[in-house]
Amino acid sequence: TSSGENVATEAQETAPAAEEGAAAEEQAAGAEGAEEAAAPAPAPAPAGGIDDATKRTVQRIPLLTVRAGPRDGEQWTARLREEYQALIAYVKINKEQDND
C-alpha cells in the first residue's frame, strides 16, 4: 500500500505545478495584449543618465561641504546654512528660467 500512497502523493504534487504553468501562460498572454494597448514608453535617458539642461542646472548649485548631523552642534548649523544656500540658489535658477 505504500507504493500506492507514493503515486497519489506524486500526482498531487504535479497537479498544482501544471496549473501554475497554465496560469502563468495566461497572464503572459494577457500582458502582451495590455502592452499593445498601453501608451508608448517614454524615450530612454541619454547614455550619461542626465540630459544637458539638467546637468547645467545642477552644476550651478553650490556643493555641500560640511558633513554633519543634528547631534553635531555647530557643524550642524553650518550644514543647514549650506543647505539653505543651495536651495535658494536652486529657486533663483528656476525663476531665471521661468520654471517656478
C-alpha atoms as a PDB file:
ATOM      1  CA  THR A   1       0.000   0.000   0.000  1.00  0.00           C
ATOM      2  CA  SER A   2       2.932   2.366   0.494  1.00  0.00           C
ATOM      3  CA  SER A   3       3.670   2.427  -3.253  1.00  0.00           C
ATOM      4  CA  GLY A   4       0.044   3.397  -3.924  1.00  0.00           C
ATOM      5  CA  GLU A   5       0.325   6.245  -1.474  1.00  0.00           C
ATOM      6  CA  ASN A   6       3.512   7.478  -3.178  1.00  0.00           C
ATOM      7  CA  VAL A   7       1.782   7.523  -6.564  1.00  0.00           C
ATOM      8  CA  ALA A   8      -1.108   9.533  -5.150  1.00  0.00           C
ATOM      9  CA  THR A   9       1.277  11.989  -3.472  1.00  0.00           C
ATOM     10  CA  GLU A  10       3.280  12.476  -6.678  1.00  0.00           C
ATOM     11  CA  ALA A  11       0.094  13.120  -8.656  1.00  0.00           C
ATOM     12  CA  GLN A  12      -0.999  15.735  -6.125  1.00  0.00           C
ATOM     13  CA  GLU A  13       2.383  17.476  -6.264  1.00  0.00           C
ATOM     14  CA  THR A  14       2.493  17.678 -10.072  1.00  0.00           C
ATOM     15  CA  ALA A  15      -1.091  18.887 -10.498  1.00  0.00           C
ATOM     16  CA  PRO A  16      -0.554  22.315  -8.840  1.00  0.00           C
ATOM     17  CA  ALA A  17       2.634  22.816 -10.834  1.00  0.00           C
ATOM     18  CA  ALA A  18       0.776  22.209 -14.082  1.00  0.00           C
ATOM     19  CA  GLU A  19      -1.987  24.588 -13.022  1.00  0.00           C
ATOM     20  CA  GLU A  20       0.580  27.267 -12.141  1.00  0.00           C
ATOM     21  CA  GLY A  21       2.227  26.871 -15.558  1.00  0.00           C
ATOM     22  CA  ALA A  22      -1.099  27.322 -17.333  1.00  0.00           C
ATOM     23  CA  ALA A  23      -1.935  30.367 -15.201  1.00  0.00           C
ATOM     24  CA  ALA A  24       1.471  31.903 -15.962  1.00  0.00           C
ATOM     25  CA  GLU A  25       0.923  31.410 -19.691  1.00  0.00           C
ATOM     26  CA  GLU A  26      -2.498  33.083 -19.473  1.00  0.00           C
ATOM     27  CA  GLN A  27      -1.019  36.017 -17.585  1.00  0.00           C
ATOM     28  CA  ALA A  28       1.779  36.381 -20.125  1.00  0.00           C
ATOM     29  CA  ALA A  29      -0.733  36.353 -22.977  1.00  0.00           C
ATOM     30  CA  GLY A  30      -2.837  38.969 -21.165  1.00  0.00           C
ATOM     31  CA  ALA A  31       0.211  41.127 -20.504  1.00  0.00           C
ATOM     32  CA  GLU A  32       1.179  41.076 -24.174  1.00  0.00           C
ATOM     33  CA  GLY A  33      -2.267  42.345 -25.127  1.00  0.00           C
ATOM     34  CA  ALA A  34      -2.093  45.042 -22.462  1.00  0.00           C
ATOM     35  CA  GLU A  35       1.290  46.238 -23.721  1.00  0.00           C
ATOM     36  CA  GLU A  36      -0.097  46.740 -27.195  1.00  0.00           C
ATOM     37  CA  ALA A  37      -2.991  48.838 -25.877  1.00  0.00           C
ATOM     38  CA  ALA A  38      -0.858  50.889 -23.464  1.00  0.00           C
ATOM     39  CA  ALA A  39       0.683  54.224 -24.350  1.00  0.00           C
ATOM     40  CA  PRO A  40       4.211  54.128 -25.767  1.00  0.00           C
ATOM     41  CA  ALA A  41       7.007  54.157 -23.224  1.00  0.00           C
ATOM     42  CA  PRO A  42       8.885  57.444 -22.746  1.00  0.00           C
ATOM     43  CA  ALA A  43      12.176  57.857 -24.516  1.00  0.00           C
ATOM     44  CA  PRO A  44      15.116  56.482 -22.538  1.00  0.00           C
ATOM     45  CA  ALA A  45      17.516  58.863 -20.831  1.00  0.00           C
ATOM     46  CA  PRO A  46      20.775  59.648 -22.620  1.00  0.00           C
ATOM     47  CA  ALA A  47      23.680  57.285 -22.035  1.00  0.00           C
ATOM     48  CA  GLY A  48      25.041  59.535 -19.265  1.00  0.00           C
ATOM     49  CA  GLY A  49      21.697  59.385 -17.449  1.00  0.00           C
ATOM     50  CA  ILE A  50      21.199  63.172 -17.269  1.00  0.00           C
ATOM     51  CA  ASP A  51      20.313  65.497 -20.104  1.00  0.00           C
ATOM     52  CA  ASP A  52      22.450  68.573 -20.741  1.00  0.00           C
ATOM     53  CA  ALA A  53      19.969  71.126 -19.356  1.00  0.00           C
ATOM     54  CA  THR A  54      19.687  69.280 -16.049  1.00  0.00           C
ATOM     55  CA  LYS A  55      23.437  68.906 -15.841  1.00  0.00           C
ATOM     56  CA  ARG A  56      23.961  72.659 -16.355  1.00  0.00           C
ATOM     57  CA  THR A  57      21.391  73.452 -13.660  1.00  0.00           C
ATOM     58  CA  VAL A  58      22.938  71.086 -11.124  1.00  0.00           C
ATOM     59  CA  GLN A  59      26.417  72.450 -11.793  1.00  0.00           C
ATOM     60  CA  ARG A  60      25.202  75.955 -10.851  1.00  0.00           C
ATOM     61  CA  ILE A  61      24.022  74.813  -7.390  1.00  0.00           C
ATOM     62  CA  PRO A  62      26.725  75.126  -4.711  1.00  0.00           C
ATOM     63  CA  LEU A  63      28.086  71.841  -3.358  1.00  0.00           C
ATOM     64  CA  LEU A  64      27.656  70.952   0.304  1.00  0.00           C
ATOM     65  CA  THR A  65      30.974  70.548   2.088  1.00  0.00           C
ATOM     66  CA  VAL A  66      30.029  70.109   5.751  1.00  0.00           C
ATOM     67  CA  ARG A  67      29.242  66.540   6.768  1.00  0.00           C
ATOM     68  CA  ALA A  68      27.261  66.821   9.985  1.00  0.00           C
ATOM     69  CA  GLY A  69      24.050  65.641  11.583  1.00  0.00           C
ATOM     70  CA  PRO A  70      21.653  67.014  14.208  1.00  0.00           C
ATOM     71  CA  ARG A  71      23.883  65.800  17.067  1.00  0.00           C
ATOM     72  CA  ASP A  72      26.968  67.651  15.821  1.00  0.00           C
ATOM     73  CA  GLY A  73      26.182  71.078  17.319  1.00  0.00           C
ATOM     74  CA  GLU A  74      27.807  73.986  15.467  1.00  0.00           C
ATOM     75  CA  GLN A  75      28.734  71.841  12.473  1.00  0.00           C
ATOM     76  CA  TRP A  76      25.048  71.009  12.037  1.00  0.00           C
ATOM     77  CA  THR A  77      24.250  74.719  11.953  1.00  0.00           C
ATOM     78  CA  ALA A  78      26.881  75.206   9.241  1.00  0.00           C
ATOM     79  CA  ARG A  79      25.432  72.272   7.277  1.00  0.00           C
ATOM     80  CA  LEU A  80      21.927  73.730   7.463  1.00  0.00           C
ATOM     81  CA  ARG A  81      23.262  77.090   6.294  1.00  0.00           C
ATOM     82  CA  GLU A  82      24.840  75.389   3.250  1.00  0.00           C
ATOM     83  CA  GLU A  83      21.617  73.506   2.506  1.00  0.00           C
ATOM     84  CA  TYR A  84      19.579  76.702   2.647  1.00  0.00           C
ATOM     85  CA  GLN A  85      22.049  78.486   0.368  1.00  0.00           C
ATOM     86  CA  ALA A  86      21.857  75.619  -2.141  1.00  0.00           C
ATOM     87  CA  LEU A  87      18.062  75.654  -2.004  1.00  0.00           C
ATOM     88  CA  ILE A  88      17.942  79.424  -2.503  1.00  0.00           C
ATOM     89  CA  ALA A  89      20.321  79.131  -5.488  1.00  0.00           C
ATOM     90  CA  TYR A  90      18.102  76.418  -6.988  1.00  0.00           C
ATOM     91  CA  VAL A  91      14.981  78.568  -6.611  1.00  0.00           C
ATOM     92  CA  LYS A  92      16.776  81.542  -8.227  1.00  0.00           C
ATOM     93  CA  ILE A  93      17.828  79.360 -11.166  1.00  0.00           C
ATOM     94  CA  ASN A  94      14.253  78.180 -11.621  1.00  0.00           C
ATOM     95  CA  LYS A  95      12.954  81.759 -11.516  1.00  0.00           C
ATOM     96  CA  GLU A  96      15.535  82.834 -14.118  1.00  0.00           C
ATOM     97  CA  GLN A  97      14.407  80.013 -16.382  1.00  0.00           C
ATOM     98  CA  ASP A  98      10.726  80.702 -15.617  1.00  0.00           C
ATOM     99  CA  ASN A  99      10.277  77.220 -14.134  1.00  0.00           C
ATOM    100  CA  ASP A 100       8.734  78.340 -10.855  1.00  0.00           C
END
